[in-house]
């Protein structure tokens, strides 16, 4: 895999975007001949021949972002099992022999797996341990010759083994984030694309998957999927959304949508637009929620996780059960800022976080706001319609 910036070009569908944009490519050239209707928007939405100097998104607020990245996880070279051609249902776990940890690929330049742990509390009755081995690349269950990034959480007798992946840099300051993902059971993720049996995906209860920006417990936007909920229910929030002193939900800081058109047990592109005065969330380009309270106002990391701790929020998983989060790609249009800013806050207590954490980002850069980007933008690219105007 190579990380390329500026004006080099590999393929017509993966040409590089001028100026500030960069695309992180997988180890071998991505081809799209085998991709079917399960996966729309296969290439970066902004064609490389557009000389973009800012990026605009659909909706009432265009955003005016100065930078763009697209991480494609569908063509990662995987280890090959000698038995892979003789797949039978009894080989349901054999696919794990054909995986590679994220930390052993060049994607680690931009994304790091976490290894912190958290002991049980009065609410969280199961110790939680993040493990590097729970973030890996594996074969795609629906697309022949394709791969996916996978996060996994498993319930063991003594603890819950979980996964969290965070951006290496914490200087994202307003962004439009899109993640194409699906929550799966062990049977669904080990399925082969040529299987004739129906793609049955009954995800075990008791886990939580999240996509979020994070600076501190009081500076975060997130979208969360609880596998104990019906699969058309998604939680959207700016943090804090809960008053611990009075044991109350903070009105207006979150929304729970129970009628999302496509369930999280299917492939969906989840989008979060973090602007100065509001956060908006979409599922497959359909607006689901808008929150204007507690909007994050500091540079942040981007992160995804999959976890369980036996608490009131997640519930508990059955022993030896696993939940999987498959991710095809991540796309981000964003502005940045690190000048004069402190590291990501430490010592915060958060339902998804350890009691202590540290963060540093040596790459200092002058703050770029949406207003500045708009003033400097002469050749905008419309991210969702691949249209320059």
Protein backbone atom coordinates (compact mmCIF):
# COMPACT_ATOMS: atom_id res chain seq x y z
CA UNK A 1 0.00 0.00 0.00
CA UNK A 2 1.16 3.51 -0.70
CA UNK A 3 0.10 6.88 0.58
CA UNK A 4 0.14 9.41 -2.27
CA UNK A 5 -0.42 13.14 -2.28
CA UNK A 6 -0.86 15.84 -4.93
CA UNK A 7 -0.82 15.11 -8.67
CA UNK A 8 0.33 11.50 -9.25
CA UNK A 9 -2.17 9.08 -10.81
CA UNK A 10 -2.57 5.30 -10.75
CA UNK A 11 -5.90 4.50 -12.37
CA UNK A 12 -8.63 6.70 -13.86
CA UNK A 13 -10.89 5.80 -10.94
CA UNK A 14 -8.21 6.38 -8.32
CA UNK A 15 -6.41 9.45 -9.60
CA UNK A 16 -5.18 11.84 -6.97
CA UNK A 17 -6.84 15.07 -6.02
CA UNK A 18 -4.91 18.27 -6.47
CA UNK A 19 -3.47 20.44 -3.71
CA UNK A 20 -4.51 19.49 -0.17
CA UNK A 21 -6.29 16.22 -0.87
CA UNK A 22 -4.73 12.82 -0.34
CA UNK A 23 -5.96 9.29 -0.92
CA UNK A 24 -4.68 6.29 0.99
CA UNK A 25 -4.53 3.33 -1.36
CA UNK A 26 -4.47 -0.39 -0.54
CA UNK A 27 -1.44 -2.61 -1.21
CA UNK A 28 -2.43 -3.47 -4.78
CA UNK A 29 -4.32 -1.50 -7.41
CA UNK A 30 -8.01 -1.46 -6.66
CA UNK A 31 -10.26 -2.91 -9.33
CA UNK A 32 -14.01 -2.64 -9.36
CA UNK A 33 -14.98 -5.34 -11.85
CA UNK A 34 -16.13 -7.74 -9.14
CA UNK A 35 -18.07 -5.22 -7.06
CA UNK A 36 -21.84 -5.53 -7.33
CA UNK A 37 -24.90 -3.53 -6.32
CA UNK A 38 -24.24 -4.12 -2.60
CA UNK A 39 -21.63 -1.36 -2.74
CA UNK A 40 -22.48 1.94 -4.48
CA UNK A 41 -20.03 4.86 -4.74
CA UNK A 42 -17.07 2.56 -5.32
CA UNK A 43 -14.42 5.16 -6.08
CA UNK A 44 -13.61 8.43 -4.31
CA UNK A 45 -16.55 10.72 -4.98
CA UNK A 46 -14.34 13.54 -6.24
CA UNK A 47 -12.69 12.62 -9.59
CA UNK A 48 -8.97 13.27 -9.72
CA UNK A 49 -9.16 15.55 -12.76
CA UNK A 50 -11.12 18.13 -10.78
CA UNK A 51 -8.67 20.81 -9.51
CA UNK A 52 -10.46 21.15 -6.18
CA UNK A 53 -9.31 23.69 -3.61
CA UNK A 54 -12.27 23.04 -1.30
CA UNK A 55 -14.98 20.42 -0.81
CA UNK A 56 -18.70 21.04 -0.38
CA UNK A 57 -21.32 18.59 0.91
CA UNK A 58 -25.06 18.28 0.33
CA UNK A 59 -27.51 19.84 2.78
CA UNK A 60 -28.30 23.33 4.02
CA UNK A 61 -24.73 23.85 5.27
CA UNK A 62 -22.15 23.25 2.48
CA UNK A 63 -19.21 22.99 4.85
CA UNK A 64 -16.33 24.38 2.75
CA UNK A 65 -13.66 21.87 3.76
CA UNK A 66 -10.06 22.28 2.63
CA UNK A 67 -8.85 18.66 2.87
CA UNK A 68 -10.04 15.25 1.70
CA UNK A 69 -9.08 11.62 2.34
CA UNK A 70 -10.47 8.29 1.20
CA UNK A 71 -9.37 4.99 2.76
CA UNK A 72 -10.41 1.97 0.69
CA UNK A 73 -10.34 -1.36 2.56
CA UNK A 74 -11.75 -3.54 -0.24
CA UNK A 75 -8.53 -4.66 -1.92
CA UNK A 76 -6.07 -5.60 0.81
CA UNK A 77 -3.87 -8.61 0.08
CA UNK A 78 -4.73 -11.36 2.59
CA UNK A 79 -2.99 -14.60 3.63
CA UNK A 80 -4.23 -17.56 1.59
CA UNK A 81 -5.42 -20.74 3.25
CA UNK A 82 -4.66 -24.01 1.47
CA UNK A 83 -8.20 -25.13 2.23
CA UNK A 84 -9.95 -21.96 1.07
CA UNK A 85 -11.14 -23.55 -2.14
CA UNK A 86 -12.94 -26.34 -0.28
CA UNK A 87 -15.20 -24.26 1.90
CA UNK A 88 -18.01 -26.06 3.67
CA UNK A 89 -20.34 -24.88 6.46
CA UNK A 90 -18.24 -26.83 8.97
CA UNK A 91 -15.37 -24.48 8.10
CA UNK A 92 -17.24 -21.46 9.46
CA UNK A 93 -14.21 -20.23 11.42
CA UNK A 94 -11.62 -20.94 8.72
CA UNK A 95 -11.90 -17.40 7.36
CA UNK A 96 -9.98 -16.21 10.45
CA UNK A 97 -6.91 -18.00 9.05
CA UNK A 98 -7.01 -15.60 6.10
CA UNK A 99 -6.84 -12.33 8.01
CA UNK A 100 -4.16 -9.74 8.74
CA UNK A 101 -4.11 -7.25 11.66
CA UNK A 102 -4.56 -3.59 10.78
CA UNK A 103 -1.36 -2.89 12.75
CA UNK A 104 0.62 -4.97 10.24
CA UNK A 105 -0.46 -2.93 7.22
CA UNK A 106 0.40 0.55 5.98
CA UNK A 107 -3.01 1.76 7.11
CA UNK A 108 -1.40 2.03 10.55
CA UNK A 109 0.18 5.28 9.31
CA UNK A 110 -3.24 6.92 9.69
CA UNK A 111 -5.10 4.59 12.09
CA UNK A 112 -3.96 3.02 15.36
CA UNK A 113 -5.56 0.20 17.32
CA UNK A 114 -6.05 0.65 21.07
CA UNK A 115 -4.91 -1.65 23.88
CA UNK A 116 -6.24 0.01 27.03
CA UNK A 117 -8.51 -1.87 29.42
CA UNK A 118 -11.17 -1.02 31.99
CA UNK A 119 -12.12 -2.93 35.14
CA UNK A 120 -15.67 -3.68 36.19
CA UNK A 121 -17.67 -1.04 38.06
CA UNK A 122 -21.02 -1.00 39.85
CA UNK A 123 -22.66 -0.57 36.43
CA UNK A 124 -20.18 -2.20 34.05
CA UNK A 125 -20.00 -5.69 35.48
CA UNK A 126 -17.63 -7.20 32.89
CA UNK A 127 -13.99 -6.04 32.53
CA UNK A 128 -13.30 -4.73 29.02
CA UNK A 129 -9.96 -5.26 27.25
CA UNK A 130 -9.14 -3.70 23.89
CA UNK A 131 -6.95 -6.01 21.83
CA UNK A 132 -4.91 -5.23 18.71
CA UNK A 133 -6.02 -8.60 17.31
CA UNK A 134 -9.64 -7.39 17.19
CA UNK A 135 -8.98 -4.94 14.31
CA UNK A 136 -8.04 -6.82 11.17
CA UNK A 137 -8.65 -7.26 7.45
CA UNK A 138 -10.66 -10.25 6.22
CA UNK A 139 -12.47 -11.50 3.16
CA UNK A 140 -15.71 -9.77 2.26
CA UNK A 141 -18.76 -12.02 2.81
CA UNK A 142 -20.75 -10.55 -0.10
CA UNK A 143 -18.22 -9.42 -2.72
CA UNK A 144 -15.95 -11.91 -4.53
CA UNK A 145 -12.24 -11.07 -4.38
CA UNK A 146 -12.87 -8.14 -2.02
CA UNK A 147 -11.71 -7.46 1.54
CA UNK A 148 -13.01 -5.44 4.48
CA UNK A 149 -11.72 -3.93 7.71
CA UNK A 150 -13.24 -5.79 10.68
CA UNK A 151 -13.66 -4.82 14.33
CA UNK A 152 -14.62 -7.61 16.72
CA UNK A 153 -15.86 -7.97 20.29
CA UNK A 154 -16.08 -11.36 22.03
CA UNK A 155 -17.44 -12.36 25.44
CA UNK A 156 -15.04 -14.54 27.42
CA UNK A 157 -15.65 -15.97 30.92
CA UNK A 158 -13.44 -13.36 32.62
CA UNK A 159 -13.77 -10.31 30.35
CA UNK A 160 -15.02 -8.80 27.12
CA UNK A 161 -12.41 -8.51 24.36
CA UNK A 162 -13.12 -5.37 22.32
CA UNK A 163 -11.78 -3.14 19.54
CA UNK A 164 -11.15 0.55 19.03
CA UNK A 165 -9.41 2.27 16.12
CA UNK A 166 -8.42 5.94 16.29
CA UNK A 167 -6.90 8.38 13.84
CA UNK A 168 -3.20 9.01 14.38
CA UNK A 169 -3.79 12.75 14.36
CA UNK A 170 -6.09 14.76 16.59
CA UNK A 171 -6.27 17.93 14.49
CA UNK A 172 -9.62 17.40 12.74
CA UNK A 173 -11.64 20.57 13.27
CA UNK A 174 -15.08 20.20 11.61
CA UNK A 175 -15.58 17.43 9.08
CA UNK A 176 -17.96 15.41 6.95
CA UNK A 177 -17.27 11.76 7.82
CA UNK A 178 -18.70 8.80 5.88
CA UNK A 179 -18.22 5.16 6.89
CA UNK A 180 -19.68 2.29 4.87
CA UNK A 181 -20.25 -0.50 7.38
CA UNK A 182 -22.36 -3.41 8.54
CA UNK A 183 -22.75 -5.17 11.90
CA UNK A 184 -22.59 -8.96 11.57
CA UNK A 185 -22.84 -12.25 13.39
CA UNK A 186 -20.12 -14.91 13.13
CA UNK A 187 -22.25 -16.78 10.58
CA UNK A 188 -22.78 -13.69 8.43
CA UNK A 189 -19.15 -12.57 8.35
CA UNK A 190 -17.83 -16.06 7.55
CA UNK A 191 -20.24 -16.47 4.65
CA UNK A 192 -18.74 -16.86 1.17
CA UNK A 193 -20.10 -14.71 -1.69
CA UNK A 194 -20.94 -17.80 -3.75
CA UNK A 195 -22.98 -19.44 -1.01
CA UNK A 196 -26.50 -20.21 -2.22
CA UNK A 197 -28.05 -20.10 1.25
CA UNK A 198 -29.76 -16.82 2.27
CA UNK A 199 -27.56 -14.19 3.91
CA UNK A 200 -29.06 -14.54 7.38
CA UNK A 201 -27.58 -12.04 9.84
CA UNK A 202 -28.89 -12.29 13.40
CA UNK A 203 -26.45 -10.14 15.37
CA UNK A 204 -25.97 -11.20 19.02
CA UNK A 205 -27.29 -8.80 21.64
CA UNK A 206 -25.13 -6.97 24.17
CA UNK A 207 -22.62 -4.98 22.08
CA UNK A 208 -22.22 -1.33 21.06
CA UNK A 209 -20.59 -0.05 17.86
CA UNK A 210 -19.61 3.60 17.52
CA UNK A 211 -18.34 6.14 15.00
CA UNK A 212 -17.27 9.37 16.66
CA UNK A 213 -15.09 12.43 16.99
CA UNK A 214 -13.41 12.79 20.38
CA UNK A 215 -11.54 15.44 22.32
CA UNK A 216 -12.87 14.84 25.82
CA UNK A 217 -16.00 13.63 27.59
CA UNK A 218 -17.51 17.07 26.98
CA UNK A 219 -16.29 17.49 23.40
CA UNK A 220 -17.55 14.63 21.24
CA UNK A 221 -20.04 13.78 18.49
CA UNK A 222 -21.06 10.17 17.98
CA UNK A 223 -23.36 7.71 16.29
CA UNK A 224 -23.91 4.45 18.17
CA UNK A 225 -25.53 1.14 17.32
CA UNK A 226 -26.73 -1.08 20.18
CA UNK A 227 -27.19 -4.70 19.13
CA UNK A 228 -29.80 -5.11 21.86
CA UNK A 229 -31.94 -2.57 19.96
CA UNK A 230 -34.02 -3.35 16.88
CA UNK A 231 -31.71 -3.00 13.84
CA UNK A 232 -33.49 0.12 12.56
CA UNK A 233 -32.66 2.06 15.75
CA UNK A 234 -29.59 4.34 15.93
CA UNK A 235 -28.42 6.72 18.69
CA UNK A 236 -27.05 10.15 17.68
CA UNK A 237 -25.51 12.56 20.21
CA UNK A 238 -23.20 15.41 21.06
CA UNK A 239 -21.51 14.88 24.41
CA UNK A 240 -22.34 15.36 27.15
CA UNK A 241 -25.88 14.08 26.62
CA UNK A 242 -26.35 12.84 30.19
CA UNK A 243 -26.37 14.73 33.50
CA UNK A 244 -24.66 12.36 35.95
CA UNK A 245 -25.33 14.62 38.94
CA UNK A 246 -29.09 14.54 38.47
CA UNK A 247 -29.28 11.20 36.60
CA UNK A 248 -31.09 12.80 33.67
CA UNK A 249 -30.83 12.85 29.88
CA UNK A 250 -29.89 16.38 28.73
CA UNK A 251 -32.76 17.59 26.50
CA UNK A 252 -31.70 18.46 22.95
CA UNK A 253 -28.22 16.88 23.10
CA UNK A 254 -29.19 13.59 21.48
CA UNK A 255 -31.75 11.85 19.30
CA UNK A 256 -32.76 8.21 19.09
CA UNK A 257 -34.12 7.36 15.64
CA UNK A 258 -36.14 4.12 15.50
CA UNK A 259 -37.14 4.28 11.82
CA UNK A 260 -33.84 4.28 9.93
CA UNK A 261 -34.83 2.92 6.47
CA UNK A 262 -31.95 0.42 6.16
CA UNK A 263 -30.98 -1.62 9.26
CA UNK A 264 -27.45 -1.58 10.66
CA UNK A 265 -27.37 -5.33 9.96
CA UNK A 266 -27.09 -4.43 6.25
CA UNK A 267 -24.46 -2.41 4.39
CA UNK A 268 -25.13 1.29 4.96
CA UNK A 269 -23.12 4.47 4.43
CA UNK A 270 -23.33 6.36 7.72
CA UNK A 271 -22.46 10.05 7.51
CA UNK A 272 -21.78 12.61 10.24
CA UNK A 273 -21.39 16.31 9.37
CA UNK A 274 -19.71 18.22 12.19
CA UNK A 275 -20.14 21.95 11.63
CA UNK A 276 -19.54 24.96 13.84
CA UNK A 277 -23.11 25.24 15.14
CA UNK A 278 -24.65 21.81 14.60
CA UNK A 279 -24.03 18.14 13.94
CA UNK A 280 -26.05 16.27 11.32
CA UNK A 281 -26.30 12.51 10.74
CA UNK A 282 -27.34 10.63 7.61
CA UNK A 283 -27.91 7.00 6.60
CA UNK A 284 -27.43 6.40 2.86
CA UNK A 285 -27.79 10.18 2.26
CA UNK A 286 -31.13 10.35 4.12
CA UNK A 287 -31.00 12.91 6.96
CA UNK A 288 -31.78 11.24 10.29
CA UNK A 289 -30.96 13.74 13.06
CA UNK A 290 -29.75 17.29 13.72
CA UNK A 291 -28.37 18.40 17.11
CA UNK A 292 -27.32 21.99 17.86
CA UNK A 293 -26.55 21.60 21.59
CA UNK A 294 -23.05 20.77 22.88
CA UNK A 295 -21.46 20.86 19.42
CA UNK A 296 -17.72 20.02 19.73
CA UNK A 297 -15.58 23.15 19.55
CA UNK A 298 -12.04 21.75 19.71
CA UNK A 299 -9.76 19.81 17.34
CA UNK A 300 -10.46 16.09 17.73
CA UNK A 301 -9.56 12.58 16.70
CA UNK A 302 -11.76 10.34 14.56
CA UNK A 303 -12.54 6.90 15.96
CA UNK A 304 -14.57 3.71 15.61
CA UNK A 305 -15.13 1.05 18.23
CA UNK A 306 -17.00 -2.14 19.05
CA UNK A 307 -17.32 -3.14 22.69
CA UNK A 308 -19.36 -4.61 25.53
CA UNK A 309 -19.02 -4.31 29.32
CA UNK A 310 -22.16 -5.92 30.72
CA UNK A 311 -23.52 -2.51 31.74
CA UNK A 312 -26.89 -0.86 31.36
CA UNK A 313 -25.89 0.77 28.06
CA UNK A 314 -24.71 -2.30 26.16
CA UNK A 315 -26.20 -5.18 28.09
CA UNK A 316 -24.22 -8.42 28.31
CA UNK A 317 -23.31 -10.85 25.55
CA UNK A 318 -23.69 -14.60 25.84
CA UNK A 319 -20.50 -16.51 26.65
CA UNK A 320 -18.25 -17.10 23.59
CA UNK A 321 -20.46 -14.98 21.33
CA UNK A 322 -18.89 -12.43 18.97
CA UNK A 323 -20.15 -9.37 17.12
CA UNK A 324 -18.35 -8.02 14.04
CA UNK A 325 -18.28 -4.58 12.43
CA UNK A 326 -17.32 -4.76 8.76
CA UNK A 327 -16.06 -1.54 7.13
CA UNK A 328 -15.59 -1.17 3.37
CA UNK A 329 -14.27 2.37 3.29
CA UNK A 330 -13.94 5.68 5.16
CA UNK A 331 -14.23 9.07 3.48
CA UNK A 332 -13.54 12.41 5.18
CA UNK A 333 -13.67 16.01 4.01
CA UNK A 334 -12.33 18.21 6.78
CA UNK A 335 -10.60 21.29 8.14
CA UNK A 336 -7.72 21.17 10.60
CA UNK A 337 -6.28 23.03 13.57
CA UNK A 338 -3.56 22.29 16.10
CA UNK A 339 -1.89 25.66 16.59
CA UNK A 340 -1.60 26.48 20.29
CA UNK A 341 -3.90 23.65 21.34
CA UNK A 342 -3.38 21.27 24.24
CA UNK A 343 -3.35 17.47 23.80
CA UNK A 344 -6.61 15.54 23.89
CA UNK A 345 -7.92 15.88 27.44
CA UNK A 346 -6.80 13.32 30.01
CA UNK A 347 -8.44 11.94 33.12
CA UNK A 348 -11.97 11.96 31.69
CA UNK A 349 -14.52 9.32 32.60
CA UNK A 350 -16.61 8.29 29.63
CA UNK A 351 -18.78 5.28 29.02
CA UNK A 352 -16.58 4.25 26.08
CA UNK A 353 -13.26 5.45 27.47
CA UNK A 354 -10.57 4.50 29.97
CA UNK A 355 -10.19 6.64 33.08
CA UNK A 356 -6.83 7.90 31.82
CA UNK A 357 -5.64 8.61 28.30
CA UNK A 358 -3.02 10.75 26.64
CA UNK A 359 -2.71 12.16 23.16
CA UNK A 360 -0.16 14.26 21.39
CA UNK A 361 0.03 15.57 17.84
CA UNK A 362 3.34 17.11 16.77
CA UNK A 363 2.02 18.28 13.39
CA UNK A 364 1.08 21.86 14.15
CA UNK A 365 -0.89 23.82 11.61
CA UNK A 366 -2.71 27.12 11.57
CA UNK A 367 -6.42 26.79 12.25
CA UNK A 368 -8.55 26.63 9.12
CA UNK A 369 -12.20 27.53 9.65
CA UNK A 370 -15.09 27.04 7.26
CA UNK A 371 -15.28 30.80 6.76
CA UNK A 372 -11.61 30.95 5.77
CA UNK A 373 -12.03 28.00 3.42
CA UNK A 374 -14.99 29.69 1.75
CA UNK A 375 -13.03 32.90 1.19
CA UNK A 376 -10.09 31.01 -0.30
CA UNK A 377 -12.17 28.61 -2.38
CA UNK A 378 -12.06 29.28 -6.12
CA UNK A 379 -12.67 25.75 -7.44
CA UNK A 380 -15.07 23.90 -5.12
CA UNK A 381 -15.99 20.24 -5.62
CA UNK A 382 -19.43 19.01 -4.62
CA UNK A 383 -18.62 15.85 -2.69
CA UNK A 384 -21.93 14.00 -3.06
CA UNK A 385 -22.66 14.67 -6.73
CA UNK A 386 -19.10 14.80 -8.10
CA UNK A 387 -19.95 18.12 -9.64
CA UNK A 388 -17.77 21.19 -9.90
CA UNK A 389 -19.36 24.63 -10.17
